[in-house]
């Protein structure tokens, strides 16, 4: 019974730290792509993360349109998560692993955002829902360079498929390969 409770407690801590990292990282991405600040979803994310980030913003200013305080908080949350999951890691390994896990989370955010956009384009084209508009704002800086190279053909946007392929190659092959070179196991990447 004690092991079951400790396993459940570990799961809850992992889930809470992952959700907190996701929220802070999403705030970082929203500011980086200059998403609509008045979108109700953006406002919700700002309200959710503001109690922790507001004091950090006094100490760590933004630079080049990037919320460095949010990025630092995401790194700290990942370091805490790694310390909970993997005991006995050195500080350098922990820092490198947290960077890998944050990059993996960013790739996952973009991957799922693109999937939702594709589904919405089939089910409800031209949808003006705040979530759909926010997803377009997040993914457009990533997709637009490919759209200039691969214009839509026959109503199909193949540029999104090209971005999918690149995200998959980075997430499934390049990151694990680099992690193995650095002595980090694939399972630790998340």
Protein backbone atom coordinates (compact mmCIF):
# COMPACT_ATOMS: atom_id res chain seq x y z
CA UNK A 1 0.00 0.00 0.00
CA UNK A 2 2.85 2.42 0.84
CA UNK A 3 4.47 1.85 -2.57
CA UNK A 4 1.15 2.54 -4.30
CA UNK A 5 0.80 5.82 -2.42
CA UNK A 6 4.36 6.85 -3.18
CA UNK A 7 3.81 5.94 -6.84
CA UNK A 8 0.62 8.00 -6.91
CA UNK A 9 2.39 10.88 -5.18
CA UNK A 10 5.23 10.73 -7.68
CA UNK A 11 2.72 10.74 -10.53
CA UNK A 12 0.92 13.78 -9.09
CA UNK A 13 4.16 15.72 -8.60
CA UNK A 14 5.26 14.83 -12.13
CA UNK A 15 1.88 15.84 -13.57
CA UNK A 16 1.80 19.17 -11.70
CA UNK A 17 5.37 20.09 -12.67
CA UNK A 18 4.70 19.12 -16.31
CA UNK A 19 1.49 21.19 -16.44
CA UNK A 20 3.25 24.16 -14.84
CA UNK A 21 6.14 23.86 -17.32
CA UNK A 22 3.67 23.62 -20.20
CA UNK A 23 1.84 26.79 -19.08
CA UNK A 24 5.05 28.78 -18.60
CA UNK A 25 6.51 27.55 -21.89
CA UNK A 26 3.28 28.39 -23.69
CA UNK A 27 3.48 31.92 -22.27
CA UNK A 28 7.06 32.16 -23.56
CA UNK A 29 5.97 31.00 -27.04
CA UNK A 30 2.98 33.37 -27.10
CA UNK A 31 5.22 36.34 -26.39
CA UNK A 32 7.91 35.14 -28.84
CA UNK A 33 5.41 34.93 -31.74
CA UNK A 34 3.67 38.11 -30.57
CA UNK A 35 0.29 36.44 -30.29
CA UNK A 36 -2.81 38.52 -29.67
CA UNK A 37 -2.58 39.62 -26.04
CA UNK A 38 -6.34 40.24 -25.89
CA UNK A 39 -7.26 36.70 -26.92
CA UNK A 40 -9.15 35.19 -23.94
CA UNK A 41 -6.92 32.10 -23.93
CA UNK A 42 -3.79 34.24 -23.87
CA UNK A 43 -5.31 36.25 -21.04
CA UNK A 44 -6.00 33.03 -19.12
CA UNK A 45 -2.41 31.85 -19.54
CA UNK A 46 -1.10 35.24 -18.44
CA UNK A 47 -3.36 35.24 -15.37
CA UNK A 48 -2.33 31.69 -14.52
CA UNK A 49 1.42 32.33 -14.76
CA UNK A 50 1.53 35.95 -13.60
CA UNK A 51 1.72 35.32 -9.82
CA UNK A 52 5.06 33.56 -10.26
CA UNK A 53 6.41 35.49 -13.24
CA UNK A 54 5.60 39.03 -12.10
CA UNK A 55 8.30 39.05 -9.37
CA UNK A 56 10.75 37.40 -11.77
CA UNK A 57 10.11 40.09 -14.39
CA UNK A 58 11.38 42.71 -11.93
CA UNK A 59 14.72 40.91 -11.80
CA UNK A 60 14.97 39.34 -15.27
CA UNK A 61 13.94 41.67 -18.11
CA UNK A 62 12.74 40.55 -21.51
CA UNK A 63 15.25 40.73 -24.32
CA UNK A 64 14.54 40.86 -28.03
CA UNK A 65 10.85 40.19 -27.49
CA UNK A 66 11.59 37.02 -25.52
CA UNK A 67 10.30 36.51 -21.99
CA UNK A 68 13.53 35.34 -20.39
CA UNK A 69 11.88 35.07 -16.97
CA UNK A 70 9.38 32.56 -18.35
CA UNK A 71 12.16 30.60 -20.03
CA UNK A 72 14.21 30.53 -16.82
CA UNK A 73 11.17 29.41 -14.83
CA UNK A 74 10.52 26.61 -17.35
CA UNK A 75 14.14 25.46 -16.95
CA UNK A 76 13.86 25.54 -13.15
CA UNK A 77 10.60 23.55 -13.25
CA UNK A 78 12.25 20.96 -15.49
CA UNK A 79 15.24 20.74 -13.17
CA UNK A 80 12.85 20.10 -10.27
CA UNK A 81 11.05 17.44 -12.29
CA UNK A 82 14.32 15.75 -13.23
CA UNK A 83 15.42 15.76 -9.59
CA UNK A 84 12.12 14.07 -8.66
CA UNK A 85 12.33 11.47 -11.45
CA UNK A 86 16.06 10.75 -11.58
CA UNK A 87 17.98 10.86 -8.33
CA UNK A 88 21.74 11.11 -8.28
CA UNK A 89 22.30 13.08 -11.48
CA UNK A 90 25.03 15.68 -11.53
CA UNK A 91 24.23 19.37 -12.05
CA UNK A 92 25.55 19.50 -15.63
CA UNK A 93 23.62 16.38 -16.65
CA UNK A 94 20.49 17.75 -14.99
CA UNK A 95 20.81 21.08 -16.83
CA UNK A 96 21.44 19.42 -20.20
CA UNK A 97 18.57 16.99 -19.68
CA UNK A 98 16.23 19.83 -18.74
CA UNK A 99 17.15 21.61 -21.97
CA UNK A 100 16.42 18.46 -23.97
CA UNK A 101 13.10 17.96 -22.23
CA UNK A 102 12.07 21.58 -22.80
CA UNK A 103 12.96 21.33 -26.48
CA UNK A 104 10.94 18.12 -26.69
CA UNK A 105 7.97 19.86 -25.07
CA UNK A 106 8.21 22.77 -27.53
CA UNK A 107 8.28 20.31 -30.44
CA UNK A 108 5.24 18.53 -28.98
CA UNK A 109 3.36 21.83 -28.62
CA UNK A 110 3.98 22.68 -32.26
CA UNK A 111 3.23 19.13 -33.44
CA UNK A 112 -0.17 19.02 -31.73
CA UNK A 113 -0.99 22.61 -32.70
CA UNK A 114 -0.43 21.71 -36.36
CA UNK A 115 -2.55 18.57 -36.06
CA UNK A 116 -5.41 20.59 -34.55
CA UNK A 117 -5.09 23.21 -37.30
CA UNK A 118 -5.27 20.52 -40.00
CA UNK A 119 -8.33 18.92 -38.39
CA UNK A 120 -10.01 22.31 -38.00
CA UNK A 121 -9.33 23.12 -41.65
CA UNK A 122 -11.30 20.00 -42.61
CA UNK A 123 -14.09 20.25 -40.04
CA UNK A 124 -14.58 24.01 -39.68
CA UNK A 125 -12.63 25.97 -42.29
CA UNK A 126 -12.35 29.68 -41.56
CA UNK A 127 -13.15 29.13 -37.88
CA UNK A 128 -12.79 32.33 -35.85
CA UNK A 129 -12.74 30.66 -32.44
CA UNK A 130 -10.12 32.21 -30.13
CA UNK A 131 -8.31 28.86 -29.78
CA UNK A 132 -8.12 28.40 -33.57
CA UNK A 133 -6.86 31.95 -34.04
CA UNK A 134 -4.24 31.44 -31.32
CA UNK A 135 -3.03 28.17 -32.87
CA UNK A 136 -2.62 29.92 -36.22
CA UNK A 137 -0.66 32.73 -34.58
CA UNK A 138 1.63 30.24 -32.85
CA UNK A 139 2.33 28.10 -35.91
CA UNK A 140 2.37 30.72 -38.67
CA UNK A 141 6.00 31.84 -38.07
CA UNK A 142 7.05 28.21 -38.46
CA UNK A 143 4.86 27.38 -41.48
CA UNK A 144 5.08 30.60 -43.53
CA UNK A 145 8.68 30.09 -44.78
CA UNK A 146 7.68 26.66 -46.07
CA UNK A 147 4.50 28.07 -47.57
CA UNK A 148 6.61 30.42 -49.70
CA UNK A 149 8.61 27.42 -50.95
CA UNK A 150 5.66 25.02 -51.29
CA UNK A 151 2.49 26.92 -52.24
CA UNK A 152 -0.91 25.27 -51.62
CA UNK A 153 -1.91 22.97 -54.48
CA UNK A 154 -5.49 21.95 -55.12
CA UNK A 155 -6.61 23.32 -51.78
CA UNK A 156 -4.03 21.26 -49.87
CA UNK A 157 -1.32 22.96 -47.85
CA UNK A 158 1.72 20.72 -48.24
CA UNK A 159 3.88 23.17 -46.29
CA UNK A 160 2.30 21.90 -43.06
CA UNK A 161 3.27 18.36 -44.06
CA UNK A 162 6.86 19.51 -44.58
CA UNK A 163 6.90 21.07 -41.10
CA UNK A 164 5.45 17.83 -39.66
CA UNK A 165 8.23 15.82 -41.24
CA UNK A 166 10.91 18.16 -39.91
CA UNK A 167 9.41 18.12 -36.40
CA UNK A 168 9.28 14.32 -36.44
CA UNK A 169 12.87 14.01 -37.67
CA UNK A 170 14.09 16.39 -34.95
CA UNK A 171 12.03 14.79 -32.16
CA UNK A 172 12.51 11.14 -33.05
CA UNK A 173 16.00 11.05 -34.58
CA UNK A 174 18.15 14.14 -34.03
CA UNK A 175 17.38 14.79 -30.34
CA UNK A 176 17.77 11.15 -29.25
CA UNK A 177 20.95 10.84 -31.30
CA UNK A 178 22.43 13.94 -29.72
CA UNK A 179 21.29 12.76 -26.28
CA UNK A 180 23.02 9.42 -26.79
CA UNK A 181 26.19 11.22 -27.83
CA UNK A 182 26.02 13.13 -24.54
CA UNK A 183 25.34 9.97 -22.55
CA UNK A 184 21.66 10.63 -21.87
CA UNK A 185 19.25 7.74 -22.39
CA UNK A 186 16.25 8.08 -24.72
CA UNK A 187 13.82 7.29 -21.88
CA UNK A 188 15.02 10.36 -19.97
CA UNK A 189 13.95 12.66 -22.80
CA UNK A 190 10.29 12.13 -22.02
